[in-house]
Amino acid sequence: MTTTREAVDRRTGTAVMTTWRTRALDYLVQPRLWFEIVMLAVLYIVYSFIRNLVHSDRDEAFTNGRAILDWQDGLHLSLERPLNDLVDAVPAIAAVSAVIYASLHFVVTPAVLGWLFVSHSKNYRFFSTALIITTGLALIGFFLLPTAPPRMLPDEGFVDIMAKTGSWGWWPESGTPASDAVSNPYAAMPSLHCAWSTWCGIMLVVFSSKTWLRVLGALYPFVTFFVVMGTANHYLLDVIAGLLTLVCGTLLAIGARALWRWYLARHVEVVTAPLDAAN
């Protein structure tokens, strides 16, 4: 026998009889602060664990890195070369780029998630799901295509900006907040910096009502593209792959939402009745 519970729908003024399954699904779909904090914390721990579980094969990573650079050079697409030269030549740009690379990635993304949760809760579940799927796809890329970043190819003329500024910064040479001993230096393809910053930028441009915030949102991804290539942490192809990963993550989120709605329509029992009849 199915257990039901009576509740009042505040929007329609009706009594709603829901099964336990309906209540459970509703609990997962409707954003709740404590649940979101716990879920995102767990997901970040899992992400960090998987990303840094194994230091990928060094020879394969360098082979892949050089292959990407050679392909780009052949098409005259190695934008990271002149950008790295520029950042290295101007100490002020190098300092700002290092700070941005080592910090904003881990500050802006959770801040935008929190803002979306508080100010646009109706859109939060879909877009946070797209971000989570994007991150999962990137993890697959890290394992399938370990890639040594340009900064690890000094014979190609690249200068490691993070190492150069590391004497006064809080970051190790990799630019990550964790120790190099536990961080996978070959997790470069695709660029999550670029995927996450583009997601943040789109959220701010689409949902913010403040012009200055929308302008910052529009600029943030492009600043990130400049920084990741200028510091020699990513190739142009990494940036493009990061954007494609975000597109794929969003498309999969759309598919997941469609399947979710189909499931609800077929399997969730909701019986409504006027308040007078319920009483």
C-alpha atoms as a PDB file:
ATOM      1  CA  MET A   1       0.000   0.000   0.000  1.00  0.00           C
ATOM      2  CA  THR A   2       1.365   3.428  -0.968  1.00  0.00           C
ATOM      3  CA  THR A   3       1.825   5.848   1.891  1.00  0.00           C
ATOM      4  CA  THR A   4       0.649   9.390   1.191  1.00  0.00           C
ATOM      5  CA  ARG A   5       0.856  12.709   2.973  1.00  0.00           C
ATOM      6  CA  GLU A   6      -1.381  15.729   2.718  1.00  0.00           C
ATOM      7  CA  ALA A   7       0.197  19.141   2.213  1.00  0.00           C
ATOM      8  CA  VAL A   8      -0.983  22.551   1.067  1.00  0.00           C
ATOM      9  CA  ASP A   9       0.243  24.003  -2.203  1.00  0.00           C
ATOM     10  CA  ARG A  10       0.641  27.688  -1.355  1.00  0.00           C
ATOM     11  CA  ARG A  11       0.511  28.808  -4.965  1.00  0.00           C
ATOM     12  CA  THR A  12      -2.725  27.059  -5.945  1.00  0.00           C
ATOM     13  CA  GLY A  13      -4.472  26.855  -2.591  1.00  0.00           C
ATOM     14  CA  THR A  14      -5.086  23.123  -2.919  1.00  0.00           C
ATOM     15  CA  ALA A  15      -4.406  20.163  -0.716  1.00  0.00           C
ATOM     16  CA  VAL A  16      -1.782  17.902  -2.272  1.00  0.00           C
ATOM     17  CA  MET A  17      -1.537  14.166  -1.576  1.00  0.00           C
ATOM     18  CA  THR A  18       2.017  13.002  -2.276  1.00  0.00           C
ATOM     19  CA  THR A  19       3.699   9.630  -2.073  1.00  0.00           C
ATOM     20  CA  TRP A  20       7.004   9.160  -0.264  1.00  0.00           C
ATOM     21  CA  ARG A  21       8.691   8.966  -3.664  1.00  0.00           C
ATOM     22  CA  THR A  22       7.297  12.356  -4.634  1.00  0.00           C
ATOM     23  CA  ARG A  23       8.585  13.881  -1.409  1.00  0.00           C
ATOM     24  CA  ALA A  24      12.028  12.352  -1.889  1.00  0.00           C
ATOM     25  CA  LEU A  25      12.303  13.597  -5.461  1.00  0.00           C
ATOM     26  CA  ASP A  26      11.054  17.029  -4.464  1.00  0.00           C
ATOM     27  CA  TYR A  27      13.704  17.174  -1.765  1.00  0.00           C
ATOM     28  CA  LEU A  28      16.429  16.544  -4.330  1.00  0.00           C
ATOM     29  CA  VAL A  29      15.041  18.958  -6.927  1.00  0.00           C
ATOM     30  CA  GLN A  30      14.248  21.935  -4.679  1.00  0.00           C
ATOM     31  CA  PRO A  31      17.517  23.615  -3.622  1.00  0.00           C
ATOM     32  CA  ARG A  32      18.143  23.570   0.119  1.00  0.00           C
ATOM     33  CA  LEU A  33      21.170  25.394   1.469  1.00  0.00           C
ATOM     34  CA  TRP A  34      22.565  22.744   3.810  1.00  0.00           C
ATOM     35  CA  PHE A  35      22.066  19.998   1.230  1.00  0.00           C
ATOM     36  CA  GLU A  36      23.801  22.043  -1.486  1.00  0.00           C
ATOM     37  CA  ILE A  37      26.763  22.842   0.770  1.00  0.00           C
ATOM     38  CA  VAL A  38      27.229  19.203   1.732  1.00  0.00           C
ATOM     39  CA  MET A  39      26.733  17.948  -1.832  1.00  0.00           C
ATOM     40  CA  LEU A  40      29.173  20.439  -3.371  1.00  0.00           C
ATOM     41  CA  ALA A  41      31.738  19.767  -0.640  1.00  0.00           C
ATOM     42  CA  VAL A  42      31.523  16.030  -1.258  1.00  0.00           C
ATOM     43  CA  LEU A  43      31.719  16.517  -5.016  1.00  0.00           C
ATOM     44  CA  TYR A  44      34.793  18.742  -4.655  1.00  0.00           C
ATOM     45  CA  ILE A  45      36.506  16.164  -2.438  1.00  0.00           C
ATOM     46  CA  VAL A  46      35.728  13.422  -4.958  1.00  0.00           C
ATOM     47  CA  TYR A  47      36.895  15.672  -7.813  1.00  0.00           C
ATOM     48  CA  SER A  48      40.180  16.466  -6.050  1.00  0.00           C
ATOM     49  CA  PHE A  49      40.743  12.829  -5.116  1.00  0.00           C
ATOM     50  CA  ILE A  50      40.161  11.528  -8.636  1.00  0.00           C
ATOM     51  CA  ARG A  51      42.116  14.360 -10.271  1.00  0.00           C
ATOM     52  CA  ASN A  52      45.138  13.803  -8.082  1.00  0.00           C
ATOM     53  CA  LEU A  53      44.821  10.066  -7.476  1.00  0.00           C
ATOM     54  CA  VAL A  54      47.560   9.083  -9.857  1.00  0.00           C
ATOM     55  CA  HIS A  55      50.293  11.152 -11.425  1.00  0.00           C
ATOM     56  CA  SER A  56      49.746  10.319 -15.054  1.00  0.00           C
ATOM     57  CA  ASP A  57      52.499   8.737 -17.112  1.00  0.00           C
ATOM     58  CA  ARG A  58      55.146  11.398 -17.601  1.00  0.00           C
ATOM     59  CA  ASP A  59      56.331  10.239 -21.014  1.00  0.00           C
ATOM     60  CA  GLU A  60      52.790  10.086 -22.389  1.00  0.00           C
ATOM     61  CA  ALA A  61      51.997  13.510 -20.957  1.00  0.00           C
ATOM     62  CA  PHE A  62      55.034  15.114 -22.596  1.00  0.00           C
ATOM     63  CA  THR A  63      54.346  13.336 -25.867  1.00  0.00           C
ATOM     64  CA  ASN A  64      50.796  14.694 -25.869  1.00  0.00           C
ATOM     65  CA  GLY A  65      51.935  18.193 -24.931  1.00  0.00           C
ATOM     66  CA  ARG A  66      54.493  18.359 -27.712  1.00  0.00           C
ATOM     67  CA  ALA A  67      52.013  16.884 -30.195  1.00  0.00           C
ATOM     68  CA  ILE A  68      49.489  19.623 -29.367  1.00  0.00           C
ATOM     69  CA  LEU A  69      52.128  22.326 -29.674  1.00  0.00           C
ATOM     70  CA  ASP A  70      53.452  20.936 -32.972  1.00  0.00           C
ATOM     71  CA  TRP A  71      49.917  20.783 -34.397  1.00  0.00           C
ATOM     72  CA  GLN A  72      49.230  24.354 -33.334  1.00  0.00           C
ATOM     73  CA  ASP A  73      52.585  25.581 -34.680  1.00  0.00           C
ATOM     74  CA  GLY A  74      51.836  23.967 -38.024  1.00  0.00           C
ATOM     75  CA  LEU A  75      48.611  25.975 -38.239  1.00  0.00           C
ATOM     76  CA  HIS A  76      50.147  29.116 -36.715  1.00  0.00           C
ATOM     77  CA  LEU A  77      47.709  28.853 -33.786  1.00  0.00           C
ATOM     78  CA  SER A  78      50.132  28.822 -30.849  1.00  0.00           C
ATOM     79  CA  LEU A  79      48.751  31.970 -29.272  1.00  0.00           C
ATOM     80  CA  GLU A  80      50.291  30.990 -25.953  1.00  0.00           C
ATOM     81  CA  ARG A  81      53.784  31.795 -27.312  1.00  0.00           C
ATOM     82  CA  PRO A  82      53.359  35.582 -27.785  1.00  0.00           C
ATOM     83  CA  LEU A  83      51.122  35.822 -24.707  1.00  0.00           C
ATOM     84  CA  ASN A  84      53.744  34.154 -22.541  1.00  0.00           C
ATOM     85  CA  ASP A  85      56.418  36.470 -23.956  1.00  0.00           C
ATOM     86  CA  LEU A  86      54.251  39.479 -23.097  1.00  0.00           C
ATOM     87  CA  VAL A  87      53.489  38.347 -19.543  1.00  0.00           C
ATOM     88  CA  ASP A  88      57.144  37.499 -18.906  1.00  0.00           C
ATOM     89  CA  ALA A  89      58.314  40.883 -20.226  1.00  0.00           C
ATOM     90  CA  VAL A  90      56.037  42.954 -17.962  1.00  0.00           C
ATOM     91  CA  PRO A  91      56.486  42.137 -14.246  1.00  0.00           C
ATOM     92  CA  ALA A  92      53.205  43.822 -13.260  1.00  0.00           C
ATOM     93  CA  ILE A  93      51.230  41.695 -15.712  1.00  0.00           C
ATOM     94  CA  ALA A  94      53.075  38.593 -14.539  1.00  0.00           C
ATOM     95  CA  ALA A  95      52.204  39.329 -10.898  1.00  0.00           C
ATOM     96  CA  VAL A  96      48.533  39.998 -11.590  1.00  0.00           C
ATOM     97  CA  SER A  97      48.257  36.961 -13.863  1.00  0.00           C
ATOM     98  CA  ALA A  98      49.799  34.704 -11.229  1.00  0.00           C
ATOM     99  CA  VAL A  99      47.384  35.908  -8.557  1.00  0.00           C
ATOM    100  CA  ILE A 100      44.406  35.469 -10.880  1.00  0.00           C
ATOM    101  CA  TYR A 101      45.466  31.969 -11.914  1.00  0.00           C
ATOM    102  CA  ALA A 102      46.074  30.816  -8.355  1.00  0.00           C
ATOM    103  CA  SER A 103      42.969  32.294  -6.735  1.00  0.00           C
ATOM    104  CA  LEU A 104      39.954  33.394  -8.787  1.00  0.00           C
ATOM    105  CA  HIS A 105      39.294  29.903 -10.110  1.00  0.00           C
ATOM    106  CA  PHE A 106      38.570  28.778  -6.545  1.00  0.00           C
ATOM    107  CA  VAL A 107      36.773  31.925  -5.372  1.00  0.00           C
ATOM    108  CA  VAL A 108      34.573  33.167  -8.200  1.00  0.00           C
ATOM    109  CA  THR A 109      32.985  29.820  -9.079  1.00  0.00           C
ATOM    110  CA  PRO A 110      31.592  29.032  -5.597  1.00  0.00           C
ATOM    111  CA  ALA A 111      30.629  32.698  -5.201  1.00  0.00           C
ATOM    112  CA  VAL A 112      28.567  32.614  -8.406  1.00  0.00           C
ATOM    113  CA  LEU A 113      27.034  29.296  -7.365  1.00  0.00           C
ATOM    114  CA  GLY A 114      26.004  30.828  -4.047  1.00  0.00           C
ATOM    115  CA  TRP A 115      24.616  33.936  -5.731  1.00  0.00           C
ATOM    116  CA  LEU A 116      22.645  31.815  -8.190  1.00  0.00           C
ATOM    117  CA  PHE A 117      21.256  29.728  -5.333  1.00  0.00           C
ATOM    118  CA  VAL A 118      20.114  32.768  -3.358  1.00  0.00           C
ATOM    119  CA  SER A 119      18.952  35.084  -6.138  1.00  0.00           C
ATOM    120  CA  HIS A 120      17.870  32.716  -8.902  1.00  0.00           C
ATOM    121  CA  SER A 121      16.948  29.473  -7.195  1.00  0.00           C
ATOM    122  CA  LYS A 122      14.591  28.398  -9.999  1.00  0.00           C
ATOM    123  CA  ASN A 123      17.531  28.246 -12.394  1.00  0.00           C
ATOM    124  CA  TYR A 124      20.075  26.965  -9.901  1.00  0.00           C
ATOM    125  CA  ARG A 125      19.453  23.229 -10.191  1.00  0.00           C
ATOM    126  CA  PHE A 126      19.804  23.060 -13.982  1.00  0.00           C
ATOM    127  CA  PHE A 127      22.887  25.252 -14.292  1.00  0.00           C
ATOM    128  CA  SER A 128      24.661  23.739 -11.288  1.00  0.00           C
ATOM    129  CA  THR A 129      24.012  20.313 -12.833  1.00  0.00           C
ATOM    130  CA  ALA A 130      25.567  21.505 -16.098  1.00  0.00           C
ATOM    131  CA  LEU A 131      28.653  22.639 -14.168  1.00  0.00           C
ATOM    132  CA  ILE A 132      28.922  19.327 -12.308  1.00  0.00           C
ATOM    133  CA  ILE A 133      28.630  17.297 -15.512  1.00  0.00           C
ATOM    134  CA  THR A 134      31.219  19.541 -17.189  1.00  0.00           C
ATOM    135  CA  THR A 135      33.637  18.880 -14.325  1.00  0.00           C
ATOM    136  CA  GLY A 136      33.024  15.140 -14.595  1.00  0.00           C
ATOM    137  CA  LEU A 137      33.752  15.192 -18.322  1.00  0.00           C
ATOM    138  CA  ALA A 138      36.969  17.118 -17.660  1.00  0.00           C
ATOM    139  CA  LEU A 139      38.098  14.428 -15.215  1.00  0.00           C
ATOM    140  CA  ILE A 140      37.660  11.862 -17.968  1.00  0.00           C
ATOM    141  CA  GLY A 141      39.810  14.041 -20.213  1.00  0.00           C
ATOM    142  CA  PHE A 142      42.556  14.273 -17.588  1.00  0.00           C
ATOM    143  CA  PHE A 143      42.839  10.482 -17.492  1.00  0.00           C
ATOM    144  CA  LEU A 144      42.439   9.796 -21.191  1.00  0.00           C
ATOM    145  CA  LEU A 145      44.775  12.560 -22.349  1.00  0.00           C
ATOM    146  CA  PRO A 146      47.403  13.472 -19.732  1.00  0.00           C
ATOM    147  CA  THR A 147      49.131  16.571 -21.040  1.00  0.00           C
ATOM    148  CA  ALA A 148      52.266  18.396 -19.977  1.00  0.00           C
ATOM    149  CA  PRO A 149      51.494  22.151 -20.046  1.00  0.00           C
ATOM    150  CA  PRO A 150      53.687  24.610 -21.972  1.00  0.00           C
ATOM    151  CA  ARG A 151      55.476  25.698 -18.779  1.00  0.00           C
ATOM    152  CA  MET A 152      57.037  22.213 -18.650  1.00  0.00           C
ATOM    153  CA  LEU A 153      58.597  22.725 -22.079  1.00  0.00           C
ATOM    154  CA  PRO A 154      61.325  25.346 -21.450  1.00  0.00           C
ATOM    155  CA  ASP A 155      63.187  24.145 -24.551  1.00  0.00           C
ATOM    156  CA  GLU A 156      60.262  25.569 -26.534  1.00  0.00           C
ATOM    157  CA  GLY A 157      60.932  29.016 -25.125  1.00  0.00           C
ATOM    158  CA  PHE A 158      58.183  29.096 -22.486  1.00  0.00           C
ATOM    159  CA  VAL A 159      58.718  30.767 -19.110  1.00  0.00           C
ATOM    160  CA  ASP A 160      56.966  29.286 -16.066  1.00  0.00           C
ATOM    161  CA  ILE A 161      55.339  32.423 -14.642  1.00  0.00           C
ATOM    162  CA  MET A 162      54.023  30.632 -11.540  1.00  0.00           C
ATOM    163  CA  ALA A 163      57.518  29.433 -10.673  1.00  0.00           C
ATOM    164  CA  LYS A 164      58.971  32.860 -11.428  1.00  0.00           C
ATOM    165  CA  THR A 165      56.550  34.579  -9.032  1.00  0.00           C
ATOM    166  CA  GLY A 166      56.416  31.755  -6.487  1.00  0.00           C
ATOM    167  CA  SER A 167      58.991  33.420  -4.200  1.00  0.00           C
ATOM    168  CA  TRP A 168      56.412  35.977  -3.041  1.00  0.00           C
ATOM    169  CA  GLY A 169      53.175  34.123  -3.820  1.00  0.00           C
ATOM    170  CA  TRP A 170      51.456  31.470  -1.712  1.00  0.00           C
ATOM    171  CA  TRP A 171      51.312  28.946  -4.564  1.00  0.00           C
ATOM    172  CA  PRO A 172      53.686  26.161  -5.581  1.00  0.00           C
ATOM    173  CA  GLU A 173      55.036  26.076  -9.109  1.00  0.00           C
ATOM    174  CA  SER A 174      51.864  24.428 -10.400  1.00  0.00           C
ATOM    175  CA  GLY A 175      49.759  27.388  -9.334  1.00  0.00           C
ATOM    176  CA  THR A 176      47.369  25.176  -7.399  1.00  0.00           C
ATOM    177  CA  PRO A 177      46.515  25.761  -3.718  1.00  0.00           C
ATOM    178  CA  ALA A 178      47.631  22.226  -2.898  1.00  0.00           C
ATOM    179  CA  SER A 179      51.160  20.892  -2.716  1.00  0.00           C
ATOM    180  CA  ASP A 180      52.807  19.781  -5.933  1.00  0.00           C
ATOM    181  CA  ALA A 181      53.365  16.441  -4.202  1.00  0.00           C
ATOM    182  CA  VAL A 182      49.632  15.649  -4.313  1.00  0.00           C
ATOM    183  CA  SER A 183      48.532  17.632  -7.366  1.00  0.00           C
ATOM    184  CA  ASN A 184      48.474  16.139 -10.844  1.00  0.00           C
ATOM    185  CA  PRO A 185      50.597  18.475 -12.999  1.00  0.00           C
ATOM    186  CA  TYR A 186      49.329  16.834 -16.193  1.00  0.00           C
ATOM    187  CA  ALA A 187      45.632  17.647 -15.723  1.00  0.00           C
ATOM    188  CA  ALA A 188      45.662  20.298 -18.435  1.00  0.00           C
ATOM    189  CA  MET A 189      43.396  18.971 -21.184  1.00  0.00           C
ATOM    190  CA  PRO A 190      40.716  20.320 -21.133  1.00  0.00           C
ATOM    191  CA  SER A 191      41.136  23.583 -19.227  1.00  0.00           C
ATOM    192  CA  LEU A 192      38.704  23.654 -16.313  1.00  0.00           C
ATOM    193  CA  HIS A 193      39.799  27.217 -15.585  1.00  0.00           C
ATOM    194  CA  CYS A 194      38.280  28.214 -18.911  1.00  0.00           C
ATOM    195  CA  ALA A 195      35.188  26.039 -18.620  1.00  0.00           C
ATOM    196  CA  TRP A 196      34.342  27.278 -15.125  1.00  0.00           C
ATOM    197  CA  SER A 197      35.092  30.932 -15.895  1.00  0.00           C
ATOM    198  CA  THR A 198      32.898  30.815 -18.999  1.00  0.00           C
ATOM    199  CA  TRP A 199      30.078  29.262 -16.982  1.00  0.00           C
ATOM    200  CA  CYS A 200      30.435  32.022 -14.372  1.00  0.00           C
ATOM    201  CA  GLY A 201      30.503  34.718 -17.036  1.00  0.00           C
ATOM    202  CA  ILE A 202      27.353  33.418 -18.703  1.00  0.00           C
ATOM    203  CA  MET A 203      25.517  33.240 -15.377  1.00  0.00           C
ATOM    204  CA  LEU A 204      26.389  36.850 -14.558  1.00  0.00           C
ATOM    205  CA  VAL A 205      25.549  38.191 -18.008  1.00  0.00           C
ATOM    206  CA  VAL A 206      22.237  36.332 -18.248  1.00  0.00           C
ATOM    207  CA  PHE A 207      20.907  36.683 -14.713  1.00  0.00           C
ATOM    208  CA  SER A 208      22.441  39.813 -13.187  1.00  0.00           C
ATOM    209  CA  SER A 209      20.413  43.018 -13.282  1.00  0.00           C
ATOM    210  CA  LYS A 210      23.463  45.201 -12.521  1.00  0.00           C
ATOM    211  CA  THR A 211      25.309  46.541 -15.547  1.00  0.00           C
ATOM    212  CA  TRP A 212      28.724  46.583 -13.875  1.00  0.00           C
ATOM    213  CA  LEU A 213      28.336  42.947 -12.830  1.00  0.00           C
ATOM    214  CA  ARG A 214      27.302  41.928 -16.319  1.00  0.00           C
ATOM    215  CA  VAL A 215      30.357  43.707 -17.736  1.00  0.00           C
ATOM    216  CA  LEU A 216      32.620  41.880 -15.296  1.00  0.00           C
ATOM    217  CA  GLY A 217      30.897  38.643 -16.236  1.00  0.00           C
ATOM    218  CA  ALA A 218      31.532  39.258 -19.918  1.00  0.00           C
ATOM    219  CA  LEU A 219      35.211  40.080 -19.313  1.00  0.00           C
ATOM    220  CA  TYR A 220      36.012  37.327 -16.815  1.00  0.00           C
ATOM    221  CA  PRO A 221      36.275  34.405 -19.292  1.00  0.00           C
ATOM    222  CA  PHE A 222      38.524  36.368 -21.647  1.00  0.00           C
ATOM    223  CA  VAL A 223      40.780  37.447 -18.783  1.00  0.00           C
ATOM    224  CA  THR A 224      41.017  33.785 -17.799  1.00  0.00           C
ATOM    225  CA  PHE A 225      41.876  32.732 -21.360  1.00  0.00           C
ATOM    226  CA  PHE A 226      44.668  35.318 -21.388  1.00  0.00           C
ATOM    227  CA  VAL A 227      45.979  34.275 -17.975  1.00  0.00           C
ATOM    228  CA  VAL A 228      46.064  30.507 -18.509  1.00  0.00           C
ATOM    229  CA  MET A 229      47.964  30.887 -21.778  1.00  0.00           C
ATOM    230  CA  GLY A 230      50.088  33.841 -20.681  1.00  0.00           C
ATOM    231  CA  THR A 231      51.338  31.941 -17.620  1.00  0.00           C
ATOM    232  CA  ALA A 232      52.096  28.942 -19.881  1.00  0.00           C
ATOM    233  CA  ASN A 233      49.706  26.681 -18.018  1.00  0.00           C
ATOM    234  CA  HIS A 234      47.562  25.834 -21.048  1.00  0.00           C
ATOM    235  CA  TYR A 235      47.693  25.590 -24.806  1.00  0.00           C
ATOM    236  CA  LEU A 236      45.105  27.268 -26.998  1.00  0.00           C
ATOM    237  CA  LEU A 237      43.700  23.813 -27.724  1.00  0.00           C
ATOM    238  CA  ASP A 238      43.184  23.277 -23.974  1.00  0.00           C
ATOM    239  CA  VAL A 239      41.095  26.454 -23.891  1.00  0.00           C
ATOM    240  CA  ILE A 240      38.982  25.378 -26.852  1.00  0.00           C
ATOM    241  CA  ALA A 241      38.547  21.908 -25.351  1.00  0.00           C
ATOM    242  CA  GLY A 242      37.402  23.487 -22.079  1.00  0.00           C
ATOM    243  CA  LEU A 243      34.704  25.440 -23.912  1.00  0.00           C
ATOM    244  CA  LEU A 244      33.579  22.348 -25.829  1.00  0.00           C
ATOM    245  CA  THR A 245      33.426  20.422 -22.562  1.00  0.00           C
ATOM    246  CA  LEU A 246      31.123  23.085 -21.132  1.00  0.00           C
ATOM    247  CA  VAL A 247      28.900  22.837 -24.210  1.00  0.00           C
ATOM    248  CA  CYS A 248      28.745  19.048 -23.870  1.00  0.00           C
ATOM    249  CA  GLY A 249      28.039  19.307 -20.143  1.00  0.00           C
ATOM    250  CA  THR A 250      25.186  21.715 -20.805  1.00  0.00           C
ATOM    251  CA  LEU A 251      23.702  19.510 -23.539  1.00  0.00           C
ATOM    252  CA  LEU A 252      23.850  16.501 -21.228  1.00  0.00           C
ATOM    253  CA  ALA A 253      22.166  18.553 -18.505  1.00  0.00           C
ATOM    254  CA  ILE A 254      19.385  19.397 -20.959  1.00  0.00           C
ATOM    255  CA  GLY A 255      19.009  15.702 -21.723  1.00  0.00           C
ATOM    256  CA  ALA A 256      18.999  14.821 -18.030  1.00  0.00           C
ATOM    257  CA  ARG A 257      16.297  17.415 -17.384  1.00  0.00           C
ATOM    258  CA  ALA A 258      14.158  15.998 -20.181  1.00  0.00           C
ATOM    259  CA  LEU A 259      14.523  12.474 -18.794  1.00  0.00           C
ATOM    260  CA  TRP A 260      13.722  13.754 -15.313  1.00  0.00           C
ATOM    261  CA  ARG A 261      10.512  15.388 -16.499  1.00  0.00           C
ATOM    262  CA  TRP A 262       9.555  12.229 -18.385  1.00  0.00           C
ATOM    263  CA  TYR A 263      10.127  10.163 -15.264  1.00  0.00           C
ATOM    264  CA  LEU A 264       8.068  12.507 -13.114  1.00  0.00           C
ATOM    265  CA  ALA A 265       5.217  12.479 -15.601  1.00  0.00           C
ATOM    266  CA  ARG A 266       5.092   8.691 -15.664  1.00  0.00           C
ATOM    267  CA  HIS A 267       6.015   7.588 -12.160  1.00  0.00           C
ATOM    268  CA  VAL A 268       5.232  10.285  -9.610  1.00  0.00           C
ATOM    269  CA  GLU A 269       1.756  10.156  -8.158  1.00  0.00           C
ATOM    270  CA  VAL A 270       0.367  13.516  -7.109  1.00  0.00           C
ATOM    271  CA  VAL A 271      -3.336  13.772  -6.245  1.00  0.00           C
ATOM    272  CA  THR A 272      -4.758  17.229  -5.687  1.00  0.00           C
ATOM    273  CA  ALA A 273      -8.078  18.234  -4.239  1.00  0.00           C
ATOM    274  CA  PRO A 274      -9.682  21.546  -3.215  1.00  0.00           C
ATOM    275  CA  LEU A 275      -9.052  22.570   0.376  1.00  0.00           C
ATOM    276  CA  ASP A 276     -12.736  22.289   1.255  1.00  0.00           C
ATOM    277  CA  ALA A 277     -12.856  18.694   0.071  1.00  0.00           C
ATOM    278  CA  ALA A 278      -9.627  17.855   1.872  1.00  0.00           C
ATOM    279  CA  ASN A 279     -11.011  19.207   5.091  1.00  0.00           C
END
